[in-house]
Amino acid sequence: MAAAAPPPRVMVLPFPAQGHVMPLMALAHLLVQHGIEVELVNTDFNRDRIIKAGGGEAVPAGINMVSFPDGMGPEGDHAATSASWPARRCSARSRRCVSKKIRWVVADVAMSWVVTVTAGCGVPVALFSLISVGALVLRMHAPNLIEDGIIHEIGKRHIHAISNAHSTLVEI
């Protein structure tokens, strides 16, 4: 009888900032429920916070917490520096993990450099966005709003455009 194929494995890379780690941890839990193994790559600081937030409960089977130092001592302001987390700290680790038969990489959209890091590995990447649909649409259409004269390039609104906007609204 042939040996059972190993379960598929996915690498999950959250952006190490408040509000980014836990949604991807929740996604990791869902992936595990569907028989997928997860390599959750994070900083040591955030790994410890995840474990502490779990009230001492073990990370579920199927999630392998892979972490590395962020380069700061225990007294460092990890929250302030997480936004500038350099790609080079994770890229070597990511390449090694990808070589462990990772089938997919799911990364926070703020970690889009992962697409470049994994390009030579042949592993597909899915970028996970945490911003709301409204914010995403606004971001996508900001150039049109500037071009149409609704807002200035620095974000200030044109008063006349706002006061006349009601005449162009479509009723839903």
N, C-alpha and C. Protein backbone atom coordinates (compact mmCIF):
# COMPACT_ATOMS: atom_id res chain seq x y z
N MET A 1 0.85 -1.17 0.00
CA MET A 1 0.00 0.00 0.00
C MET A 1 0.89 1.24 0.00
N ALA A 2 0.56 2.20 -0.82
CA ALA A 2 1.35 3.43 -0.93
C ALA A 2 1.14 4.31 0.29
N ALA A 3 2.21 4.99 0.67
CA ALA A 3 2.12 5.91 1.81
C ALA A 3 1.24 7.09 1.45
N ALA A 4 0.51 7.57 2.42
CA ALA A 4 -0.35 8.73 2.20
C ALA A 4 0.50 9.96 1.89
N ALA A 5 0.01 10.75 0.97
CA ALA A 5 0.72 11.98 0.62
C ALA A 5 0.70 12.92 1.82
N PRO A 6 1.81 13.64 2.04
CA PRO A 6 1.81 14.59 3.15
C PRO A 6 0.81 15.71 2.89
N PRO A 7 0.28 16.30 3.94
CA PRO A 7 -0.68 17.40 3.73
C PRO A 7 0.02 18.59 3.08
N PRO A 8 -0.73 19.37 2.32
CA PRO A 8 -0.13 20.56 1.73
C PRO A 8 0.34 21.52 2.82
N ARG A 9 1.37 22.27 2.52
CA ARG A 9 1.95 23.20 3.50
C ARG A 9 1.93 24.61 2.91
N VAL A 10 1.52 25.57 3.73
CA VAL A 10 1.43 26.97 3.35
C VAL A 10 2.26 27.80 4.31
N MET A 11 3.02 28.74 3.78
CA MET A 11 3.74 29.70 4.63
C MET A 11 2.88 30.95 4.75
N VAL A 12 2.69 31.41 5.97
CA VAL A 12 1.91 32.62 6.24
C VAL A 12 2.84 33.66 6.83
N LEU A 13 2.86 34.85 6.20
CA LEU A 13 3.74 35.93 6.62
C LEU A 13 2.94 37.19 6.95
N PRO A 14 2.60 37.40 8.21
CA PRO A 14 1.90 38.63 8.58
C PRO A 14 2.87 39.80 8.68
N PHE A 15 2.40 40.99 8.39
CA PHE A 15 3.19 42.20 8.65
C PHE A 15 3.22 42.35 10.16
N PRO A 16 4.40 42.54 10.74
CA PRO A 16 4.50 42.51 12.21
C PRO A 16 4.07 43.81 12.88
N ALA A 17 2.80 44.14 12.77
CA ALA A 17 2.27 45.34 13.42
C ALA A 17 0.89 45.01 13.98
N GLN A 18 0.50 45.82 14.96
CA GLN A 18 -0.80 45.61 15.59
C GLN A 18 -1.90 45.61 14.53
N GLY A 19 -2.78 44.65 14.61
CA GLY A 19 -3.89 44.57 13.67
C GLY A 19 -3.59 43.74 12.43
N HIS A 20 -2.36 43.32 12.24
CA HIS A 20 -2.00 42.52 11.07
C HIS A 20 -1.75 41.06 11.43
N VAL A 21 -1.17 40.80 12.58
CA VAL A 21 -0.76 39.44 12.94
C VAL A 21 -1.96 38.55 13.23
N MET A 22 -2.88 39.00 14.07
CA MET A 22 -3.97 38.13 14.51
C MET A 22 -4.94 37.74 13.37
N PRO A 23 -5.27 38.61 12.42
CA PRO A 23 -6.12 38.15 11.31
C PRO A 23 -5.46 37.03 10.50
N LEU A 24 -4.16 37.12 10.30
CA LEU A 24 -3.49 36.04 9.57
C LEU A 24 -3.34 34.79 10.43
N MET A 25 -3.27 34.97 11.75
CA MET A 25 -3.28 33.81 12.65
C MET A 25 -4.64 33.12 12.56
N ALA A 26 -5.71 33.90 12.48
CA ALA A 26 -7.06 33.33 12.32
C ALA A 26 -7.16 32.57 11.00
N LEU A 27 -6.58 33.12 9.94
CA LEU A 27 -6.55 32.42 8.66
C LEU A 27 -5.77 31.11 8.78
N ALA A 28 -4.66 31.14 9.51
CA ALA A 28 -3.86 29.93 9.72
C ALA A 28 -4.69 28.85 10.41
N HIS A 29 -5.50 29.24 11.40
CA HIS A 29 -6.37 28.28 12.08
C HIS A 29 -7.36 27.65 11.10
N LEU A 30 -7.93 28.47 10.22
CA LEU A 30 -8.89 27.95 9.23
C LEU A 30 -8.21 26.99 8.26
N LEU A 31 -6.99 27.33 7.84
CA LEU A 31 -6.26 26.45 6.93
C LEU A 31 -6.01 25.09 7.58
N VAL A 32 -5.63 25.11 8.86
CA VAL A 32 -5.38 23.86 9.59
C VAL A 32 -6.66 23.03 9.68
N GLN A 33 -7.79 23.69 9.90
CA GLN A 33 -9.07 22.97 9.97
C GLN A 33 -9.38 22.24 8.66
N HIS A 34 -8.79 22.72 7.57
CA HIS A 34 -9.02 22.09 6.27
C HIS A 34 -7.87 21.17 5.86
N GLY A 35 -7.05 20.77 6.84
CA GLY A 35 -6.02 19.78 6.58
C GLY A 35 -4.73 20.32 5.98
N ILE A 36 -4.50 21.61 6.09
CA ILE A 36 -3.30 22.24 5.54
C ILE A 36 -2.36 22.58 6.68
N GLU A 37 -1.08 22.23 6.53
CA GLU A 37 -0.08 22.61 7.53
C GLU A 37 0.36 24.04 7.26
N VAL A 38 0.64 24.78 8.32
CA VAL A 38 1.00 26.20 8.21
C VAL A 38 2.34 26.46 8.87
N GLU A 39 3.20 27.18 8.17
CA GLU A 39 4.44 27.73 8.73
C GLU A 39 4.15 29.21 8.93
N LEU A 40 3.96 29.66 10.16
CA LEU A 40 3.68 31.06 10.45
C LEU A 40 4.99 31.73 10.81
N VAL A 41 5.48 32.60 9.93
CA VAL A 41 6.78 33.25 10.11
C VAL A 41 6.56 34.61 10.75
N ASN A 42 7.30 34.87 11.84
CA ASN A 42 7.12 36.10 12.58
C ASN A 42 8.39 36.45 13.33
N THR A 43 8.37 37.59 13.99
CA THR A 43 9.48 37.95 14.87
C THR A 43 9.31 37.22 16.20
N ASP A 44 10.41 37.05 16.93
CA ASP A 44 10.33 36.43 18.26
C ASP A 44 9.36 37.20 19.15
N PHE A 45 9.42 38.53 19.07
CA PHE A 45 8.57 39.38 19.90
C PHE A 45 7.09 39.09 19.63
N ASN A 46 6.70 39.04 18.36
CA ASN A 46 5.29 38.78 18.05
C ASN A 46 4.90 37.34 18.33
N ARG A 47 5.81 36.40 18.13
CA ARG A 47 5.51 35.00 18.48
C ARG A 47 5.16 34.90 19.96
N ASP A 48 5.98 35.56 20.81
CA ASP A 48 5.72 35.53 22.25
C ASP A 48 4.38 36.17 22.58
N ARG A 49 4.04 37.25 21.89
CA ARG A 49 2.75 37.91 22.12
C ARG A 49 1.58 37.01 21.71
N ILE A 50 1.73 36.28 20.62
CA ILE A 50 0.67 35.37 20.17
C ILE A 50 0.45 34.28 21.21
N ILE A 51 1.54 33.72 21.70
CA ILE A 51 1.43 32.65 22.70
C ILE A 51 0.81 33.18 23.98
N LYS A 52 1.22 34.38 24.40
CA LYS A 52 0.66 34.98 25.62
C LYS A 52 -0.83 35.30 25.43
N ALA A 53 -1.21 35.77 24.25
CA ALA A 53 -2.62 36.10 23.97
C ALA A 53 -3.49 34.85 24.00
N GLY A 54 -2.89 33.69 23.74
CA GLY A 54 -3.63 32.43 23.77
C GLY A 54 -3.89 31.92 25.17
N GLY A 55 -3.48 32.68 26.19
CA GLY A 55 -3.72 32.29 27.58
C GLY A 55 -2.95 31.04 27.98
N GLY A 56 -1.81 30.84 27.36
CA GLY A 56 -0.99 29.68 27.71
C GLY A 56 -1.36 28.43 26.94
N GLU A 57 -2.43 28.48 26.14
CA GLU A 57 -2.80 27.31 25.35
C GLU A 57 -1.77 27.12 24.25
N ALA A 58 -1.49 25.89 23.95
CA ALA A 58 -0.51 25.58 22.91
C ALA A 58 -1.05 26.01 21.54
N VAL A 59 -0.13 26.35 20.67
CA VAL A 59 -0.52 26.63 19.29
C VAL A 59 -1.05 25.33 18.71
N PRO A 60 -2.16 25.38 17.99
CA PRO A 60 -2.77 24.14 17.51
C PRO A 60 -1.82 23.32 16.63
N ALA A 61 -2.00 22.01 16.69
CA ALA A 61 -1.23 21.12 15.81
C ALA A 61 -1.50 21.55 14.38
N GLY A 62 -0.47 21.54 13.58
CA GLY A 62 -0.61 21.96 12.19
C GLY A 62 -0.07 23.35 11.94
N ILE A 63 0.13 24.14 13.01
CA ILE A 63 0.74 25.47 12.87
C ILE A 63 2.13 25.41 13.49
N ASN A 64 3.13 25.64 12.66
CA ASN A 64 4.51 25.68 13.12
C ASN A 64 4.93 27.14 13.19
N MET A 65 5.20 27.62 14.40
CA MET A 65 5.61 29.01 14.59
C MET A 65 7.10 29.12 14.29
N VAL A 66 7.44 29.78 13.21
CA VAL A 66 8.83 30.01 12.83
C VAL A 66 9.12 31.47 13.14
N SER A 67 10.14 31.72 13.94
CA SER A 67 10.42 33.11 14.31
C SER A 67 11.91 33.38 14.27
N PHE A 68 12.23 34.66 14.31
CA PHE A 68 13.61 35.11 14.30
C PHE A 68 13.68 36.43 15.04
N PRO A 69 14.84 36.81 15.55
CA PRO A 69 14.95 38.07 16.27
C PRO A 69 14.74 39.26 15.34
N ASP A 70 14.18 40.32 15.90
CA ASP A 70 13.97 41.53 15.11
C ASP A 70 15.15 42.48 15.20
N GLY A 71 16.19 42.08 15.93
CA GLY A 71 17.39 42.90 16.04
C GLY A 71 17.36 43.88 17.19
N MET A 72 16.32 43.82 18.01
CA MET A 72 16.21 44.73 19.15
C MET A 72 16.36 43.95 20.45
N GLY A 73 16.83 44.63 21.46
CA GLY A 73 16.89 44.03 22.79
C GLY A 73 15.52 44.02 23.43
N PRO A 74 15.40 43.41 24.62
CA PRO A 74 14.10 43.34 25.29
C PRO A 74 13.51 44.70 25.62
N GLU A 75 14.37 45.71 25.81
CA GLU A 75 13.88 47.04 26.17
C GLU A 75 13.49 47.87 24.95
N GLY A 76 13.71 47.38 23.75
CA GLY A 76 13.42 48.13 22.53
C GLY A 76 11.93 48.35 22.33
N ASP A 77 11.61 49.38 21.56
CA ASP A 77 10.22 49.69 21.24
C ASP A 77 9.83 48.91 19.98
N HIS A 78 9.46 47.65 20.17
CA HIS A 78 9.16 46.77 19.05
C HIS A 78 7.97 47.28 18.24
N ALA A 79 7.01 47.90 18.88
CA ALA A 79 5.83 48.40 18.17
C ALA A 79 6.22 49.51 17.22
N ALA A 80 7.14 50.37 17.61
CA ALA A 80 7.53 51.49 16.77
C ALA A 80 8.36 51.04 15.57
N THR A 81 9.11 49.96 15.72
CA THR A 81 9.99 49.55 14.64
C THR A 81 9.38 48.50 13.73
N SER A 82 8.27 47.91 14.14
CA SER A 82 7.70 46.84 13.31
C SER A 82 7.28 47.35 11.95
N ALA A 83 6.91 48.62 11.86
CA ALA A 83 6.48 49.16 10.58
C ALA A 83 7.63 49.25 9.59
N SER A 84 8.87 49.25 10.08
CA SER A 84 10.01 49.32 9.18
C SER A 84 10.78 48.01 9.13
N TRP A 85 10.10 46.92 9.42
CA TRP A 85 10.71 45.60 9.44
C TRP A 85 11.37 45.33 8.10
N PRO A 86 12.68 45.16 8.06
CA PRO A 86 13.34 45.01 6.77
C PRO A 86 13.14 43.63 6.17
N ALA A 87 12.96 43.60 4.89
CA ALA A 87 12.76 42.35 4.17
C ALA A 87 13.95 41.42 4.32
N ARG A 88 15.14 41.96 4.43
CA ARG A 88 16.33 41.11 4.48
C ARG A 88 16.34 40.21 5.71
N ARG A 89 15.67 40.60 6.79
CA ARG A 89 15.63 39.76 7.99
C ARG A 89 14.85 38.47 7.72
N CYS A 90 13.88 38.56 6.85
CA CYS A 90 13.02 37.41 6.62
C CYS A 90 13.37 36.66 5.34
N SER A 91 14.04 37.30 4.40
CA SER A 91 14.20 36.68 3.09
C SER A 91 14.97 35.37 3.14
N ALA A 92 16.06 35.28 3.89
CA ALA A 92 16.82 34.02 3.96
C ALA A 92 15.97 32.94 4.61
N ARG A 93 15.27 33.29 5.69
CA ARG A 93 14.40 32.33 6.38
C ARG A 93 13.28 31.89 5.44
N SER A 94 12.72 32.84 4.70
CA SER A 94 11.63 32.51 3.78
C SER A 94 12.10 31.54 2.71
N ARG A 95 13.29 31.79 2.17
CA ARG A 95 13.81 30.89 1.13
C ARG A 95 13.98 29.47 1.68
N ARG A 96 14.48 29.36 2.92
CA ARG A 96 14.66 28.03 3.53
C ARG A 96 13.32 27.35 3.74
N CYS A 97 12.34 28.11 4.23
CA CYS A 97 11.02 27.53 4.47
C CYS A 97 10.37 27.11 3.16
N VAL A 98 10.54 27.94 2.12
CA VAL A 98 9.95 27.61 0.83
C VAL A 98 10.56 26.32 0.30
N SER A 99 11.83 26.10 0.61
CA SER A 99 12.47 24.87 0.14
C SER A 99 11.93 23.64 0.87
N LYS A 100 11.15 23.83 1.93
CA LYS A 100 10.57 22.71 2.68
C LYS A 100 9.22 22.29 2.10
N LYS A 101 9.11 22.32 0.80
CA LYS A 101 7.91 21.88 0.09
C LYS A 101 6.68 22.72 0.41
N ILE A 102 6.87 24.00 0.51
CA ILE A 102 5.75 24.93 0.68
C ILE A 102 5.01 25.01 -0.65
N ARG A 103 3.70 24.86 -0.61
CA ARG A 103 2.91 24.91 -1.83
C ARG A 103 2.44 26.32 -2.17
N TRP A 104 2.18 27.11 -1.14
CA TRP A 104 1.70 28.48 -1.32
C TRP A 104 2.31 29.36 -0.25
N VAL A 105 2.40 30.64 -0.54
CA VAL A 105 2.77 31.63 0.47
C VAL A 105 1.61 32.62 0.54
N VAL A 106 1.14 32.87 1.75
CA VAL A 106 0.12 33.90 1.97
C VAL A 106 0.79 34.98 2.79
N ALA A 107 0.88 36.18 2.23
CA ALA A 107 1.58 37.28 2.90
C ALA A 107 0.68 38.49 2.98
N ASP A 108 0.86 39.24 4.05
CA ASP A 108 0.18 40.53 4.19
C ASP A 108 0.57 41.38 2.99
N VAL A 109 -0.37 42.12 2.46
CA VAL A 109 -0.09 42.96 1.29
C VAL A 109 1.03 43.96 1.59
N ALA A 110 1.21 44.33 2.86
CA ALA A 110 2.31 45.22 3.23
C ALA A 110 3.66 44.53 3.12
N MET A 111 3.66 43.22 2.93
CA MET A 111 4.88 42.43 2.77
C MET A 111 5.03 41.99 1.32
N SER A 112 4.66 42.84 0.39
CA SER A 112 4.65 42.45 -1.02
C SER A 112 6.03 42.09 -1.55
N TRP A 113 7.10 42.44 -0.83
CA TRP A 113 8.45 42.04 -1.24
C TRP A 113 8.58 40.52 -1.29
N VAL A 114 7.67 39.81 -0.63
CA VAL A 114 7.70 38.35 -0.63
C VAL A 114 7.56 37.81 -2.06
N VAL A 115 6.83 38.52 -2.90
CA VAL A 115 6.67 38.10 -4.29
C VAL A 115 8.04 38.01 -4.95
N THR A 116 8.90 38.98 -4.70
CA THR A 116 10.26 38.98 -5.27
C THR A 116 11.10 37.88 -4.66
N VAL A 117 11.02 37.70 -3.35
CA VAL A 117 11.83 36.70 -2.65
C VAL A 117 11.52 35.30 -3.15
N THR A 118 10.26 35.02 -3.40
CA THR A 118 9.86 33.66 -3.78
C THR A 118 9.82 33.46 -5.30
N ALA A 119 10.11 34.49 -6.06
CA ALA A 119 9.99 34.40 -7.52
C ALA A 119 10.78 33.24 -8.12
N GLY A 120 11.98 33.01 -7.64
CA GLY A 120 12.79 31.94 -8.19
C GLY A 120 12.46 30.57 -7.67
N CYS A 121 11.55 30.48 -6.72
CA CYS A 121 11.21 29.19 -6.10
C CYS A 121 10.04 28.49 -6.78
N GLY A 122 9.32 29.22 -7.60
CA GLY A 122 8.16 28.63 -8.26
C GLY A 122 6.96 28.41 -7.36
N VAL A 123 6.91 29.13 -6.25
CA VAL A 123 5.81 28.99 -5.29
C VAL A 123 4.87 30.18 -5.47
N PRO A 124 3.58 29.93 -5.69
CA PRO A 124 2.64 31.04 -5.84
C PRO A 124 2.45 31.80 -4.53
N VAL A 125 2.19 33.09 -4.66
CA VAL A 125 1.99 33.97 -3.51
C VAL A 125 0.60 34.58 -3.60
N ALA A 126 -0.12 34.57 -2.48
CA ALA A 126 -1.39 35.27 -2.37
C ALA A 126 -1.18 36.40 -1.38
N LEU A 127 -1.50 37.63 -1.77
CA LEU A 127 -1.38 38.77 -0.86
C LEU A 127 -2.71 38.98 -0.17
N PHE A 128 -2.66 39.13 1.15
CA PHE A 128 -3.83 39.24 2.02
C PHE A 128 -3.96 40.70 2.44
N SER A 129 -5.09 41.32 2.13
CA SER A 129 -5.28 42.74 2.45
C SER A 129 -6.24 42.90 3.62
N LEU A 130 -5.84 43.74 4.57
CA LEU A 130 -6.66 43.97 5.75
C LEU A 130 -7.45 45.27 5.69
N ILE A 131 -7.22 46.07 4.66
CA ILE A 131 -7.94 47.34 4.61
C ILE A 131 -9.36 47.10 4.12
N SER A 132 -10.24 47.98 4.52
CA SER A 132 -11.65 47.83 4.15
C SER A 132 -11.83 48.07 2.66
N VAL A 133 -12.93 47.59 2.15
CA VAL A 133 -13.23 47.79 0.74
C VAL A 133 -13.30 49.27 0.42
N GLY A 134 -13.91 50.06 1.31
CA GLY A 134 -14.01 51.50 1.07
C GLY A 134 -12.65 52.16 0.96
N ALA A 135 -11.75 51.80 1.87
CA ALA A 135 -10.40 52.37 1.83
C ALA A 135 -9.65 51.90 0.58
N LEU A 136 -9.86 50.65 0.20
CA LEU A 136 -9.21 50.12 -1.00
C LEU A 136 -9.70 50.85 -2.24
N VAL A 137 -11.01 51.04 -2.35
CA VAL A 137 -11.57 51.75 -3.51
C VAL A 137 -11.07 53.18 -3.55
N LEU A 138 -11.04 53.85 -2.40
CA LEU A 138 -10.53 55.22 -2.35
C LEU A 138 -9.08 55.26 -2.81
N ARG A 139 -8.28 54.33 -2.32
CA ARG A 139 -6.87 54.28 -2.71
C ARG A 139 -6.72 54.04 -4.21
N MET A 140 -7.55 53.15 -4.75
CA MET A 140 -7.47 52.84 -6.18
C MET A 140 -7.91 54.01 -7.05
N HIS A 141 -8.85 54.81 -6.56
CA HIS A 141 -9.42 55.88 -7.37
C HIS A 141 -8.89 57.27 -7.03
N ALA A 142 -7.97 57.37 -6.11
CA ALA A 142 -7.41 58.68 -5.76
C ALA A 142 -6.86 59.42 -6.99
N PRO A 143 -6.14 58.76 -7.89
CA PRO A 143 -5.66 59.49 -9.08
C PRO A 143 -6.81 60.07 -9.91
N ASN A 144 -7.92 59.34 -10.01
CA ASN A 144 -9.07 59.85 -10.76
C ASN A 144 -9.69 61.05 -10.06
N LEU A 145 -9.76 61.01 -8.72
CA LEU A 145 -10.31 62.14 -7.97
C LEU A 145 -9.46 63.38 -8.16
N ILE A 146 -8.16 63.22 -8.24
CA ILE A 146 -7.26 64.35 -8.49
C ILE A 146 -7.46 64.84 -9.92
N GLU A 147 -7.47 63.91 -10.87
CA GLU A 147 -7.63 64.27 -12.28
C GLU A 147 -8.96 64.97 -12.53
N ASP A 148 -10.03 64.55 -11.85
CA ASP A 148 -11.35 65.15 -12.02
C ASP A 148 -11.52 66.44 -11.23
N GLY A 149 -10.49 66.83 -10.47
CA GLY A 149 -10.56 68.08 -9.73
C GLY A 149 -11.35 68.01 -8.44
N ILE A 150 -11.64 66.82 -7.95
CA ILE A 150 -12.40 66.68 -6.70
C ILE A 150 -11.50 66.98 -5.51
N ILE A 151 -10.26 66.48 -5.57
CA ILE A 151 -9.29 66.77 -4.51
C ILE A 151 -7.99 67.27 -5.13
N HIS A 152 -7.24 68.03 -4.33
CA HIS A 152 -5.90 68.47 -4.74
C HIS A 152 -4.94 67.30 -4.58
N GLU A 153 -3.76 67.43 -5.14
CA GLU A 153 -2.75 66.38 -5.01
C GLU A 153 -2.35 66.15 -3.56
N ILE A 154 -2.49 67.18 -2.71
CA ILE A 154 -2.12 67.00 -1.30
C ILE A 154 -3.32 66.58 -0.44
N GLY A 155 -4.45 66.27 -1.08
CA GLY A 155 -5.58 65.73 -0.35
C GLY A 155 -6.64 66.73 0.07
N LYS A 156 -6.41 68.03 -0.16
CA LYS A 156 -7.43 69.01 0.20
C LYS A 156 -8.58 68.94 -0.80
N ARG A 157 -9.79 69.07 -0.30
CA ARG A 157 -10.94 69.01 -1.19
C ARG A 157 -11.19 70.37 -1.84
N HIS A 158 -11.78 70.33 -3.03
CA HIS A 158 -12.25 71.53 -3.70
C HIS A 158 -13.69 71.75 -3.23
N ILE A 159 -13.95 72.88 -2.62
CA ILE A 159 -15.29 73.14 -2.07
C ILE A 159 -16.36 73.07 -3.15
N HIS A 160 -16.11 73.68 -4.32
CA HIS A 160 -17.14 73.68 -5.37
C HIS A 160 -17.44 72.27 -5.87
N ALA A 161 -16.46 71.40 -5.89
CA ALA A 161 -16.69 70.03 -6.35
C ALA A 161 -17.58 69.28 -5.38
N ILE A 162 -17.37 69.50 -4.08
CA ILE A 162 -18.18 68.82 -3.08
C ILE A 162 -19.61 69.33 -3.12
N SER A 163 -19.79 70.65 -3.25
CA SER A 163 -21.15 71.20 -3.24
C SER A 163 -21.94 70.79 -4.47
N ASN A 164 -21.27 70.52 -5.59
CA ASN A 164 -21.97 70.11 -6.80
C ASN A 164 -22.07 68.59 -6.95
N ALA A 165 -21.45 67.86 -6.06
CA ALA A 165 -21.41 66.40 -6.18
C ALA A 165 -22.79 65.77 -6.08
N HIS A 166 -23.69 66.39 -5.30
CA HIS A 166 -25.01 65.78 -5.11
C HIS A 166 -25.78 65.64 -6.42
N SER A 167 -25.53 66.51 -7.39
CA SER A 167 -26.27 66.44 -8.65
C SER A 167 -25.83 65.27 -9.51
N THR A 168 -24.66 64.68 -9.22
CA THR A 168 -24.17 63.56 -10.03
C THR A 168 -24.33 62.22 -9.33
N LEU A 169 -24.91 62.22 -8.14
CA LEU A 169 -25.08 60.96 -7.42
C LEU A 169 -26.16 60.11 -8.07
N VAL A 170 -25.95 58.83 -8.08
CA VAL A 170 -26.92 57.90 -8.65
C VAL A 170 -27.64 57.22 -7.50
N GLU A 171 -28.95 57.18 -7.58
CA GLU A 171 -29.73 56.53 -6.53
C GLU A 171 -29.67 55.02 -6.70
N ILE A 172 -29.48 54.32 -5.59
CA ILE A 172 -29.39 52.85 -5.65
C ILE A 172 -30.65 52.25 -5.07
